[in-house]
Amino acid sequence: MIAAIGAIAPVFAPIVIGWGLKRQSWLPEPFWLGAERIVYWVLFPALLCISLGSIDASSMPVAATAAALGGAILAVTAGALVLAQAVSLPAPQLTSVVQGCLRPNIYIGFAVAAALWGGPGLALFSLAVAIAIPLVNLIAVVLLTRFGTATPSWRETARQIAVNPIILGCLAGILPSLSPAKLPVPVADTLKLLGQASLPLALLSVGASLDFTLLKGAPGSLLAASFGKLVALPAATWFACRSLGLDPLATAVCTLFNALPASPSSYVMARQMGGDHRLMAAILTCQTLLAVVTLPLLLSLVRG
């Protein structure tokens, strides 16, 4: 437990600093908007590309990892939809609760994986991102198209998925890893440099996005989304990993991936596609706060 706290504390420290900087208005609002944009469109895709491009997929448990992550995600999605329908949750709230149960903040995940497991952990976490992020984005987009108050066309929905920078970063990294040709050294060095800049700026931006005043409303939805994301999904993932015979490190990384608080991009998607974006913002804040406790506890139990 002490080791897990020691590894995670430096990850949450920039989040706290970002929250303090935003609260004190030390930096203007346009800075945070620009920081989020450059992380999302440039820096983080570069990190994904270089991380995935350096792995040897043939030596990794790709099929078992995909089965464990995908099985857990689909099971929790089904459970969340059934419960939401049973309590007659309004459709926009339903989309935010389900997004809150599924979409991970991979900025935090990359930083924790690097701190705990170094290169092997980063490689496995990158594999988890490549497998699960397209799936959770697809689920979120389909639900928002079906239940959101906005009505984007299926063509526009497909376009949004196709140009998603996280998915494109994964593809750009996977293709070199599957071929004998490697990235040219200047290209690899540039991507590595950009990737190194992504996590500090991303964590500061996560802190700046927190708004504790939103926690007063919809306590039932907040509790449901937080329980689903921080307890039910990692528990289902751990069970799936053990059932499929994944080794301790792969089990720990997959469980970490599905135990992360919800992604800030969930708010953007909810706002653009007619979900309950205020509830989504509250879920992000609540889960990030709770993860300070749940992540060290979970990692002390499953650390590989």
C-alpha atoms as a PDB file:
ATOM      1  CA  MET A   1       0.000   0.000   0.000  1.00  0.00           C
ATOM      2  CA  ILE A   2       2.796   2.450   0.915  1.00  0.00           C
ATOM      3  CA  ALA A   3       4.610   1.686  -2.356  1.00  0.00           C
ATOM      4  CA  ALA A   4       1.432   2.290  -4.367  1.00  0.00           C
ATOM      5  CA  ILE A   5       0.798   5.611  -2.615  1.00  0.00           C
ATOM      6  CA  GLY A   6       4.412   6.650  -3.213  1.00  0.00           C
ATOM      7  CA  ALA A   7       4.088   5.894  -6.929  1.00  0.00           C
ATOM      8  CA  ILE A   8       0.727   7.621  -7.357  1.00  0.00           C
ATOM      9  CA  ALA A   9       1.359  10.747  -5.263  1.00  0.00           C
ATOM     10  CA  PRO A  10       3.616  12.377  -7.918  1.00  0.00           C
ATOM     11  CA  VAL A  11       0.862  11.754 -10.483  1.00  0.00           C
ATOM     12  CA  PHE A  12      -1.829  13.514  -8.463  1.00  0.00           C
ATOM     13  CA  ALA A  13       0.445  16.370  -7.358  1.00  0.00           C
ATOM     14  CA  PRO A  14       0.328  18.100 -10.791  1.00  0.00           C
ATOM     15  CA  ILE A  15      -3.468  17.682 -10.759  1.00  0.00           C
ATOM     16  CA  VAL A  16      -3.642  19.534  -7.441  1.00  0.00           C
ATOM     17  CA  ILE A  17      -1.241  22.195  -8.771  1.00  0.00           C
ATOM     18  CA  GLY A  18      -3.362  22.639 -11.910  1.00  0.00           C
ATOM     19  CA  TRP A  19      -6.489  23.039  -9.785  1.00  0.00           C
ATOM     20  CA  GLY A  20      -4.740  25.653  -7.634  1.00  0.00           C
ATOM     21  CA  LEU A  21      -3.428  27.592 -10.621  1.00  0.00           C
ATOM     22  CA  LYS A  22      -6.892  27.695 -12.195  1.00  0.00           C
ATOM     23  CA  ARG A  23      -8.584  28.645  -8.913  1.00  0.00           C
ATOM     24  CA  GLN A  24      -6.160  31.517  -8.326  1.00  0.00           C
ATOM     25  CA  SER A  25      -6.491  32.686 -11.967  1.00  0.00           C
ATOM     26  CA  TRP A  26      -2.705  32.611 -12.200  1.00  0.00           C
ATOM     27  CA  LEU A  27      -3.000  31.769 -15.893  1.00  0.00           C
ATOM     28  CA  PRO A  28      -5.672  33.089 -18.261  1.00  0.00           C
ATOM     29  CA  GLU A  29      -8.523  30.838 -19.399  1.00  0.00           C
ATOM     30  CA  PRO A  30      -7.279  30.696 -23.030  1.00  0.00           C
ATOM     31  CA  PHE A  31      -4.097  29.026 -21.769  1.00  0.00           C
ATOM     32  CA  TRP A  32      -6.030  26.037 -20.411  1.00  0.00           C
ATOM     33  CA  LEU A  33      -8.126  25.726 -23.556  1.00  0.00           C
ATOM     34  CA  GLY A  34      -4.956  25.765 -25.662  1.00  0.00           C
ATOM     35  CA  ALA A  35      -3.202  23.307 -23.363  1.00  0.00           C
ATOM     36  CA  GLU A  36      -6.077  20.817 -23.592  1.00  0.00           C
ATOM     37  CA  ARG A  37      -6.145  21.181 -27.367  1.00  0.00           C
ATOM     38  CA  ILE A  38      -2.429  20.633 -27.956  1.00  0.00           C
ATOM     39  CA  VAL A  39      -2.338  17.661 -25.574  1.00  0.00           C
ATOM     40  CA  TYR A  40      -5.357  16.033 -27.207  1.00  0.00           C
ATOM     41  CA  TRP A  41      -4.416  16.664 -30.854  1.00  0.00           C
ATOM     42  CA  VAL A  42      -0.605  16.600 -30.849  1.00  0.00           C
ATOM     43  CA  LEU A  43       1.290  15.593 -27.719  1.00  0.00           C
ATOM     44  CA  PHE A  44      -0.694  12.591 -26.533  1.00  0.00           C
ATOM     45  CA  PRO A  45      -1.076  10.991 -29.985  1.00  0.00           C
ATOM     46  CA  ALA A  46       2.720  11.300 -30.269  1.00  0.00           C
ATOM     47  CA  LEU A  47       3.136   9.448 -26.959  1.00  0.00           C
ATOM     48  CA  LEU A  48       0.780   6.692 -28.110  1.00  0.00           C
ATOM     49  CA  CYS A  49       2.535   6.399 -31.452  1.00  0.00           C
ATOM     50  CA  ILE A  50       6.035   6.047 -30.012  1.00  0.00           C
ATOM     51  CA  SER A  51       4.891   3.733 -27.190  1.00  0.00           C
ATOM     52  CA  LEU A  52       3.005   1.375 -29.483  1.00  0.00           C
ATOM     53  CA  GLY A  53       5.621   1.597 -32.234  1.00  0.00           C
ATOM     54  CA  SER A  54       8.312   0.274 -29.888  1.00  0.00           C
ATOM     55  CA  ILE A  55       6.481  -2.858 -28.727  1.00  0.00           C
ATOM     56  CA  ASP A  56       6.721  -6.347 -30.143  1.00  0.00           C
ATOM     57  CA  ALA A  57       3.070  -7.322 -30.476  1.00  0.00           C
ATOM     58  CA  SER A  58       3.992 -10.912 -31.312  1.00  0.00           C
ATOM     59  CA  SER A  59       5.372 -11.402 -27.796  1.00  0.00           C
ATOM     60  CA  MET A  60       2.383  -9.885 -25.996  1.00  0.00           C
ATOM     61  CA  PRO A  61      -0.915 -11.513 -24.915  1.00  0.00           C
ATOM     62  CA  VAL A  62      -2.991  -9.535 -27.396  1.00  0.00           C
ATOM     63  CA  ALA A  63      -5.969 -11.906 -27.693  1.00  0.00           C
ATOM     64  CA  ALA A  64      -6.326 -12.520 -23.946  1.00  0.00           C
ATOM     65  CA  THR A  65      -5.909  -8.818 -23.161  1.00  0.00           C
ATOM     66  CA  ALA A  66      -8.568  -7.905 -25.720  1.00  0.00           C
ATOM     67  CA  ALA A  67     -10.933 -10.545 -24.353  1.00  0.00           C
ATOM     68  CA  ALA A  68     -10.449  -9.429 -20.744  1.00  0.00           C
ATOM     69  CA  LEU A  69     -10.816  -5.709 -21.386  1.00  0.00           C
ATOM     70  CA  GLY A  70     -13.601  -6.038 -23.942  1.00  0.00           C
ATOM     71  CA  GLY A  71     -15.556  -8.563 -21.900  1.00  0.00           C
ATOM     72  CA  ALA A  72     -15.459  -6.426 -18.761  1.00  0.00           C
ATOM     73  CA  ILE A  73     -16.380  -3.236 -20.644  1.00  0.00           C
ATOM     74  CA  LEU A  74     -19.332  -4.854 -22.417  1.00  0.00           C
ATOM     75  CA  ALA A  75     -20.574  -6.492 -19.198  1.00  0.00           C
ATOM     76  CA  VAL A  76     -20.526  -3.219 -17.255  1.00  0.00           C
ATOM     77  CA  THR A  77     -22.145  -1.373 -20.181  1.00  0.00           C
ATOM     78  CA  ALA A  78     -25.004  -3.867 -20.200  1.00  0.00           C
ATOM     79  CA  GLY A  79     -25.395  -3.649 -16.427  1.00  0.00           C
ATOM     80  CA  ALA A  80     -25.406   0.153 -16.448  1.00  0.00           C
ATOM     81  CA  LEU A  81     -28.018   0.286 -19.220  1.00  0.00           C
ATOM     82  CA  VAL A  82     -30.286  -2.184 -17.422  1.00  0.00           C
ATOM     83  CA  LEU A  83     -30.089  -0.294 -14.127  1.00  0.00           C
ATOM     84  CA  ALA A  84     -30.583   3.087 -15.819  1.00  0.00           C
ATOM     85  CA  GLN A  85     -33.675   1.847 -17.611  1.00  0.00           C
ATOM     86  CA  ALA A  86     -34.972   0.229 -14.408  1.00  0.00           C
ATOM     87  CA  VAL A  87     -34.908   3.538 -12.514  1.00  0.00           C
ATOM     88  CA  SER A  88     -36.175   5.506 -15.552  1.00  0.00           C
ATOM     89  CA  LEU A  89     -33.080   7.692 -15.712  1.00  0.00           C
ATOM     90  CA  PRO A  90     -33.564  10.549 -18.206  1.00  0.00           C
ATOM     91  CA  ALA A  91     -31.849   9.775 -21.501  1.00  0.00           C
ATOM     92  CA  PRO A  92     -29.193  12.548 -21.356  1.00  0.00           C
ATOM     93  CA  GLN A  93     -28.257  11.491 -17.800  1.00  0.00           C
ATOM     94  CA  LEU A  94     -28.070   7.880 -18.924  1.00  0.00           C
ATOM     95  CA  THR A  95     -25.440   8.730 -21.522  1.00  0.00           C
ATOM     96  CA  SER A  96     -23.298  10.542 -18.949  1.00  0.00           C
ATOM     97  CA  VAL A  97     -23.565   7.740 -16.396  1.00  0.00           C
ATOM     98  CA  VAL A  98     -22.537   5.136 -18.969  1.00  0.00           C
ATOM     99  CA  GLN A  99     -19.652   7.300 -20.209  1.00  0.00           C
ATOM    100  CA  GLY A 100     -18.635   7.737 -16.573  1.00  0.00           C
ATOM    101  CA  CYS A 101     -18.617   3.966 -16.105  1.00  0.00           C
ATOM    102  CA  LEU A 102     -16.424   3.282 -19.139  1.00  0.00           C
ATOM    103  CA  ARG A 103     -14.086   5.992 -20.427  1.00  0.00           C
ATOM    104  CA  PRO A 104     -10.686   6.103 -18.667  1.00  0.00           C
ATOM    105  CA  ASN A 105      -8.410   9.069 -18.086  1.00  0.00           C
ATOM    106  CA  ILE A 106      -5.402   7.573 -19.859  1.00  0.00           C
ATOM    107  CA  TYR A 107      -3.256  10.596 -18.990  1.00  0.00           C
ATOM    108  CA  ILE A 108      -3.293   9.455 -15.357  1.00  0.00           C
ATOM    109  CA  GLY A 109      -2.919   5.829 -16.425  1.00  0.00           C
ATOM    110  CA  PHE A 110       0.223   6.385 -18.468  1.00  0.00           C
ATOM    111  CA  ALA A 111       1.846   8.288 -15.617  1.00  0.00           C
ATOM    112  CA  VAL A 112       0.992   5.585 -13.057  1.00  0.00           C
ATOM    113  CA  ALA A 113       2.101   2.739 -15.351  1.00  0.00           C
ATOM    114  CA  ALA A 114       5.434   4.457 -15.983  1.00  0.00           C
ATOM    115  CA  ALA A 115       5.982   5.068 -12.262  1.00  0.00           C
ATOM    116  CA  LEU A 116       5.136   1.522 -11.193  1.00  0.00           C
ATOM    117  CA  TRP A 117       6.389  -0.707 -14.007  1.00  0.00           C
ATOM    118  CA  GLY A 118       8.588   1.338 -16.352  1.00  0.00           C
ATOM    119  CA  GLY A 119       8.974   0.202 -19.964  1.00  0.00           C
ATOM    120  CA  PRO A 120       7.147  -3.155 -19.707  1.00  0.00           C
ATOM    121  CA  GLY A 121       4.200  -1.493 -18.000  1.00  0.00           C
ATOM    122  CA  LEU A 122       4.057   1.278 -20.571  1.00  0.00           C
ATOM    123  CA  ALA A 123       4.077  -1.239 -23.407  1.00  0.00           C
ATOM    124  CA  LEU A 124       1.183  -3.187 -21.885  1.00  0.00           C
ATOM    125  CA  PHE A 125      -0.732  -0.028 -21.077  1.00  0.00           C
ATOM    126  CA  SER A 126      -0.268   1.170 -24.655  1.00  0.00           C
ATOM    127  CA  LEU A 127      -1.653  -2.155 -25.860  1.00  0.00           C
ATOM    128  CA  ALA A 128      -4.668  -1.718 -23.559  1.00  0.00           C
ATOM    129  CA  VAL A 129      -5.243   1.763 -24.990  1.00  0.00           C
ATOM    130  CA  ALA A 130      -5.084   0.468 -28.561  1.00  0.00           C
ATOM    131  CA  ILE A 131      -7.604  -2.261 -27.764  1.00  0.00           C
ATOM    132  CA  ALA A 132     -10.092  -0.515 -25.489  1.00  0.00           C
ATOM    133  CA  ILE A 133     -10.190   3.143 -26.521  1.00  0.00           C
ATOM    134  CA  PRO A 134     -11.822   2.484 -29.930  1.00  0.00           C
ATOM    135  CA  LEU A 135     -14.383   0.260 -28.182  1.00  0.00           C
ATOM    136  CA  VAL A 136     -15.371   2.722 -25.444  1.00  0.00           C
ATOM    137  CA  ASN A 137     -15.477   5.615 -27.930  1.00  0.00           C
ATOM    138  CA  LEU A 138     -17.738   3.595 -30.214  1.00  0.00           C
ATOM    139  CA  ILE A 139     -20.079   2.718 -27.317  1.00  0.00           C
ATOM    140  CA  ALA A 140     -20.207   6.358 -26.184  1.00  0.00           C
ATOM    141  CA  VAL A 141     -20.902   7.699 -29.671  1.00  0.00           C
ATOM    142  CA  VAL A 142     -23.641   5.133 -30.364  1.00  0.00           C
ATOM    143  CA  LEU A 143     -25.368   5.849 -27.021  1.00  0.00           C
ATOM    144  CA  LEU A 144     -25.174   9.618 -27.498  1.00  0.00           C
ATOM    145  CA  THR A 145     -26.513   9.303 -31.032  1.00  0.00           C
ATOM    146  CA  ARG A 146     -29.385   7.148 -29.735  1.00  0.00           C
ATOM    147  CA  PHE A 147     -30.191   8.921 -26.453  1.00  0.00           C
ATOM    148  CA  GLY A 148     -28.634  12.395 -26.656  1.00  0.00           C
ATOM    149  CA  THR A 149     -30.701  15.495 -27.379  1.00  0.00           C
ATOM    150  CA  ALA A 150     -28.554  16.434 -30.368  1.00  0.00           C
ATOM    151  CA  THR A 151     -29.165  14.454 -33.543  1.00  0.00           C
ATOM    152  CA  PRO A 152     -25.940  14.128 -35.544  1.00  0.00           C
ATOM    153  CA  SER A 153     -26.133  11.968 -38.632  1.00  0.00           C
ATOM    154  CA  TRP A 154     -24.516   8.545 -38.661  1.00  0.00           C
ATOM    155  CA  ARG A 155     -22.156   9.862 -41.347  1.00  0.00           C
ATOM    156  CA  GLU A 156     -21.004  12.650 -39.013  1.00  0.00           C
ATOM    157  CA  THR A 157     -20.717  10.140 -36.165  1.00  0.00           C
ATOM    158  CA  ALA A 158     -18.499   7.909 -38.296  1.00  0.00           C
ATOM    159  CA  ARG A 159     -16.391  10.922 -39.251  1.00  0.00           C
ATOM    160  CA  GLN A 160     -15.875  11.852 -35.589  1.00  0.00           C
ATOM    161  CA  ILE A 161     -14.632   8.335 -34.845  1.00  0.00           C
ATOM    162  CA  ALA A 162     -12.382   8.298 -37.919  1.00  0.00           C
ATOM    163  CA  VAL A 163     -10.612  11.558 -37.020  1.00  0.00           C
ATOM    164  CA  ASN A 164     -10.306  10.868 -33.292  1.00  0.00           C
ATOM    165  CA  PRO A 165      -6.627  11.713 -32.549  1.00  0.00           C
ATOM    166  CA  ILE A 166      -6.300   9.014 -29.892  1.00  0.00           C
ATOM    167  CA  ILE A 167      -7.414   6.328 -32.331  1.00  0.00           C
ATOM    168  CA  LEU A 168      -5.201   7.773 -35.073  1.00  0.00           C
ATOM    169  CA  GLY A 169      -2.230   7.815 -32.690  1.00  0.00           C
ATOM    170  CA  CYS A 170      -2.846   4.162 -31.870  1.00  0.00           C
ATOM    171  CA  LEU A 171      -3.014   3.212 -35.545  1.00  0.00           C
ATOM    172  CA  ALA A 172       0.133   5.188 -36.342  1.00  0.00           C
ATOM    173  CA  GLY A 173       1.981   3.270 -33.652  1.00  0.00           C
ATOM    174  CA  ILE A 174       0.564  -0.183 -34.327  1.00  0.00           C
ATOM    175  CA  LEU A 175       1.422  -0.251 -38.034  1.00  0.00           C
ATOM    176  CA  PRO A 176       5.223   0.112 -37.542  1.00  0.00           C
ATOM    177  CA  SER A 177       5.153  -2.465 -34.732  1.00  0.00           C
ATOM    178  CA  LEU A 178       3.625  -5.019 -37.114  1.00  0.00           C
ATOM    179  CA  SER A 179       6.165  -4.473 -39.894  1.00  0.00           C
ATOM    180  CA  PRO A 180       9.908  -5.143 -40.027  1.00  0.00           C
ATOM    181  CA  ALA A 181      10.543  -1.499 -40.926  1.00  0.00           C
ATOM    182  CA  LYS A 182      11.051   0.834 -37.970  1.00  0.00           C
ATOM    183  CA  LEU A 183      10.405   4.531 -37.646  1.00  0.00           C
ATOM    184  CA  PRO A 184      13.321   6.664 -38.872  1.00  0.00           C
ATOM    185  CA  VAL A 185      15.427   7.840 -35.934  1.00  0.00           C
ATOM    186  CA  PRO A 186      14.659  11.577 -36.410  1.00  0.00           C
ATOM    187  CA  VAL A 187      10.927  10.823 -36.507  1.00  0.00           C
ATOM    188  CA  ALA A 188      11.106   8.563 -33.448  1.00  0.00           C
ATOM    189  CA  ASP A 189      13.138  11.135 -31.496  1.00  0.00           C
ATOM    190  CA  THR A 190      10.670  13.901 -32.367  1.00  0.00           C
ATOM    191  CA  LEU A 191       7.705  11.786 -31.264  1.00  0.00           C
ATOM    192  CA  LYS A 192       9.485  10.833 -28.054  1.00  0.00           C
ATOM    193  CA  LEU A 193      10.193  14.483 -27.235  1.00  0.00           C
ATOM    194  CA  LEU A 194       6.587  15.480 -27.888  1.00  0.00           C
ATOM    195  CA  GLY A 195       5.330  12.516 -25.882  1.00  0.00           C
ATOM    196  CA  GLN A 196       7.452  13.473 -22.879  1.00  0.00           C
ATOM    197  CA  ALA A 197       5.751  16.870 -22.824  1.00  0.00           C
ATOM    198  CA  SER A 198       2.262  15.377 -22.866  1.00  0.00           C
ATOM    199  CA  LEU A 199       1.845  13.972 -19.348  1.00  0.00           C
ATOM    200  CA  PRO A 200       2.850  17.001 -17.213  1.00  0.00           C
ATOM    201  CA  LEU A 201       0.690  19.354 -19.267  1.00  0.00           C
ATOM    202  CA  ALA A 202      -2.183  16.846 -19.393  1.00  0.00           C
ATOM    203  CA  LEU A 203      -2.185  16.341 -15.608  1.00  0.00           C
ATOM    204  CA  LEU A 204      -2.121  20.088 -14.966  1.00  0.00           C
ATOM    205  CA  SER A 205      -5.078  20.440 -17.357  1.00  0.00           C
ATOM    206  CA  VAL A 206      -6.995  17.682 -15.572  1.00  0.00           C
ATOM    207  CA  GLY A 207      -6.616  19.621 -12.321  1.00  0.00           C
ATOM    208  CA  ALA A 208      -7.710  22.868 -13.960  1.00  0.00           C
ATOM    209  CA  SER A 209     -10.903  21.190 -15.210  1.00  0.00           C
ATOM    210  CA  LEU A 210     -12.083  20.118 -11.738  1.00  0.00           C
ATOM    211  CA  ASP A 211     -15.112  21.975 -10.353  1.00  0.00           C
ATOM    212  CA  PHE A 212     -16.177  20.894  -6.881  1.00  0.00           C
ATOM    213  CA  THR A 213     -19.266  23.131  -6.918  1.00  0.00           C
ATOM    214  CA  LEU A 214     -20.911  20.643  -9.297  1.00  0.00           C
ATOM    215  CA  LEU A 215     -20.945  17.824  -6.730  1.00  0.00           C
ATOM    216  CA  LYS A 216     -24.153  19.030  -5.065  1.00  0.00           C
ATOM    217  CA  GLY A 217     -26.537  17.721  -7.721  1.00  0.00           C
ATOM    218  CA  ALA A 218     -27.697  14.243  -8.839  1.00  0.00           C
ATOM    219  CA  PRO A 219     -26.078  12.239  -6.004  1.00  0.00           C
ATOM    220  CA  GLY A 220     -27.607   8.971  -7.221  1.00  0.00           C
ATOM    221  CA  SER A 221     -26.117   9.308 -10.696  1.00  0.00           C
ATOM    222  CA  LEU A 222     -22.752  10.383  -9.278  1.00  0.00           C
ATOM    223  CA  LEU A 223     -22.678   7.363  -6.962  1.00  0.00           C
ATOM    224  CA  ALA A 224     -23.737   4.947  -9.702  1.00  0.00           C
ATOM    225  CA  ALA A 225     -21.147   6.183 -12.206  1.00  0.00           C
ATOM    226  CA  SER A 226     -18.369   6.241  -9.599  1.00  0.00           C
ATOM    227  CA  PHE A 227     -19.172   2.769  -8.306  1.00  0.00           C
ATOM    228  CA  GLY A 228     -19.334   1.421 -11.842  1.00  0.00           C
ATOM    229  CA  LYS A 229     -16.016   2.944 -12.903  1.00  0.00           C
ATOM    230  CA  LEU A 230     -13.913   2.629  -9.751  1.00  0.00           C
ATOM    231  CA  VAL A 231     -15.247  -0.660  -8.344  1.00  0.00           C
ATOM    232  CA  ALA A 232     -17.396  -2.760 -10.701  1.00  0.00           C
ATOM    233  CA  LEU A 233     -15.342  -2.351 -13.897  1.00  0.00           C
ATOM    234  CA  PRO A 234     -11.907  -3.061 -12.330  1.00  0.00           C
ATOM    235  CA  ALA A 235     -13.368  -6.014 -10.396  1.00  0.00           C
ATOM    236  CA  ALA A 236     -14.829  -7.457 -13.610  1.00  0.00           C
ATOM    237  CA  THR A 237     -11.514  -6.869 -15.385  1.00  0.00           C
ATOM    238  CA  TRP A 238      -9.469  -8.589 -12.662  1.00  0.00           C
ATOM    239  CA  PHE A 239     -11.837 -11.590 -12.734  1.00  0.00           C
ATOM    240  CA  ALA A 240     -11.632 -11.784 -16.543  1.00  0.00           C
ATOM    241  CA  CYS A 241      -7.817 -11.574 -16.498  1.00  0.00           C
ATOM    242  CA  ARG A 242      -7.526 -14.335 -13.914  1.00  0.00           C
ATOM    243  CA  SER A 243     -10.021 -16.518 -15.788  1.00  0.00           C
ATOM    244  CA  LEU A 244      -8.044 -16.106 -19.021  1.00  0.00           C
ATOM    245  CA  GLY A 245      -4.694 -16.881 -17.384  1.00  0.00           C
ATOM    246  CA  LEU A 246      -2.987 -13.517 -17.905  1.00  0.00           C
ATOM    247  CA  ASP A 247       0.253 -13.096 -15.970  1.00  0.00           C
ATOM    248  CA  PRO A 248       0.392 -10.824 -12.878  1.00  0.00           C
ATOM    249  CA  LEU A 249       1.814  -7.788 -14.692  1.00  0.00           C
ATOM    250  CA  ALA A 250      -0.730  -7.917 -17.524  1.00  0.00           C
ATOM    251  CA  THR A 251      -3.518  -8.450 -14.983  1.00  0.00           C
ATOM    252  CA  ALA A 252      -2.367  -5.449 -12.937  1.00  0.00           C
ATOM    253  CA  VAL A 253      -2.060  -3.175 -15.991  1.00  0.00           C
ATOM    254  CA  CYS A 254      -5.463  -4.164 -17.399  1.00  0.00           C
ATOM    255  CA  THR A 255      -7.089  -3.682 -13.991  1.00  0.00           C
ATOM    256  CA  LEU A 256      -5.418  -0.275 -13.640  1.00  0.00           C
ATOM    257  CA  PHE A 257      -6.649   0.717 -17.104  1.00  0.00           C
ATOM    258  CA  ASN A 258     -10.288   0.017 -16.192  1.00  0.00           C
ATOM    259  CA  ALA A 259      -9.954   1.517 -12.683  1.00  0.00           C
ATOM    260  CA  LEU A 260      -8.989   5.000 -13.858  1.00  0.00           C
ATOM    261  CA  PRO A 261     -11.373   7.933 -13.309  1.00  0.00           C
ATOM    262  CA  ALA A 262     -13.369   9.084 -16.306  1.00  0.00           C
ATOM    263  CA  SER A 263     -11.808  10.892 -19.243  1.00  0.00           C
ATOM    264  CA  PRO A 264     -12.114  14.704 -19.622  1.00  0.00           C
ATOM    265  CA  SER A 265     -13.005  14.149 -23.271  1.00  0.00           C
ATOM    266  CA  SER A 266     -16.282  12.640 -22.017  1.00  0.00           C
ATOM    267  CA  TYR A 267     -17.422  16.156 -21.133  1.00  0.00           C
ATOM    268  CA  VAL A 268     -16.609  17.459 -24.600  1.00  0.00           C
ATOM    269  CA  MET A 269     -18.506  14.616 -26.236  1.00  0.00           C
ATOM    270  CA  ALA A 270     -21.503  15.040 -23.923  1.00  0.00           C
ATOM    271  CA  ARG A 271     -21.673  18.774 -24.690  1.00  0.00           C
ATOM    272  CA  GLN A 272     -21.370  18.290 -28.453  1.00  0.00           C
ATOM    273  CA  MET A 273     -23.775  15.372 -28.779  1.00  0.00           C
ATOM    274  CA  GLY A 274     -26.595  16.275 -26.410  1.00  0.00           C
ATOM    275  CA  GLY A 275     -25.677  14.420 -23.239  1.00  0.00           C
ATOM    276  CA  ASP A 276     -25.960  15.888 -19.735  1.00  0.00           C
ATOM    277  CA  HIS A 277     -22.641  17.738 -19.793  1.00  0.00           C
ATOM    278  CA  ARG A 278     -23.033  19.268 -16.309  1.00  0.00           C
ATOM    279  CA  LEU A 279     -23.562  15.814 -14.815  1.00  0.00           C
ATOM    280  CA  MET A 280     -20.569  14.599 -16.829  1.00  0.00           C
ATOM    281  CA  ALA A 281     -18.398  17.379 -15.370  1.00  0.00           C
ATOM    282  CA  ALA A 282     -19.555  16.443 -11.870  1.00  0.00           C
ATOM    283  CA  ILE A 283     -18.747  12.771 -12.502  1.00  0.00           C
ATOM    284  CA  LEU A 284     -15.242  13.688 -13.679  1.00  0.00           C
ATOM    285  CA  THR A 285     -14.596  15.732 -10.539  1.00  0.00           C
ATOM    286  CA  CYS A 286     -16.091  13.147  -8.179  1.00  0.00           C
ATOM    287  CA  GLN A 287     -14.189  10.215  -9.687  1.00  0.00           C
ATOM    288  CA  THR A 288     -10.867  12.049  -9.806  1.00  0.00           C
ATOM    289  CA  LEU A 289     -11.256  12.922  -6.121  1.00  0.00           C
ATOM    290  CA  LEU A 290     -12.210   9.354  -5.155  1.00  0.00           C
ATOM    291  CA  ALA A 291      -9.390   7.862  -7.247  1.00  0.00           C
ATOM    292  CA  VAL A 292      -6.867   9.367  -4.828  1.00  0.00           C
ATOM    293  CA  VAL A 293      -8.073   6.645  -2.428  1.00  0.00           C
ATOM    294  CA  THR A 294      -9.262   3.853  -4.720  1.00  0.00           C
ATOM    295  CA  LEU A 295      -6.204   3.605  -7.005  1.00  0.00           C
ATOM    296  CA  PRO A 296      -3.590   3.048  -4.249  1.00  0.00           C
ATOM    297  CA  LEU A 297      -5.899   0.536  -2.569  1.00  0.00           C
ATOM    298  CA  LEU A 298      -6.537  -1.350  -5.800  1.00  0.00           C
ATOM    299  CA  LEU A 299      -2.890  -1.378  -6.875  1.00  0.00           C
ATOM    300  CA  SER A 300      -1.768  -2.639  -3.486  1.00  0.00           C
ATOM    301  CA  LEU A 301      -4.029  -5.659  -4.117  1.00  0.00           C
ATOM    302  CA  VAL A 302      -3.248  -6.407  -7.775  1.00  0.00           C
ATOM    303  CA  ARG A 303       0.195  -4.896  -8.417  1.00  0.00           C
ATOM    304  CA  GLY A 304       2.183  -7.178 -10.764  1.00  0.00           C
END
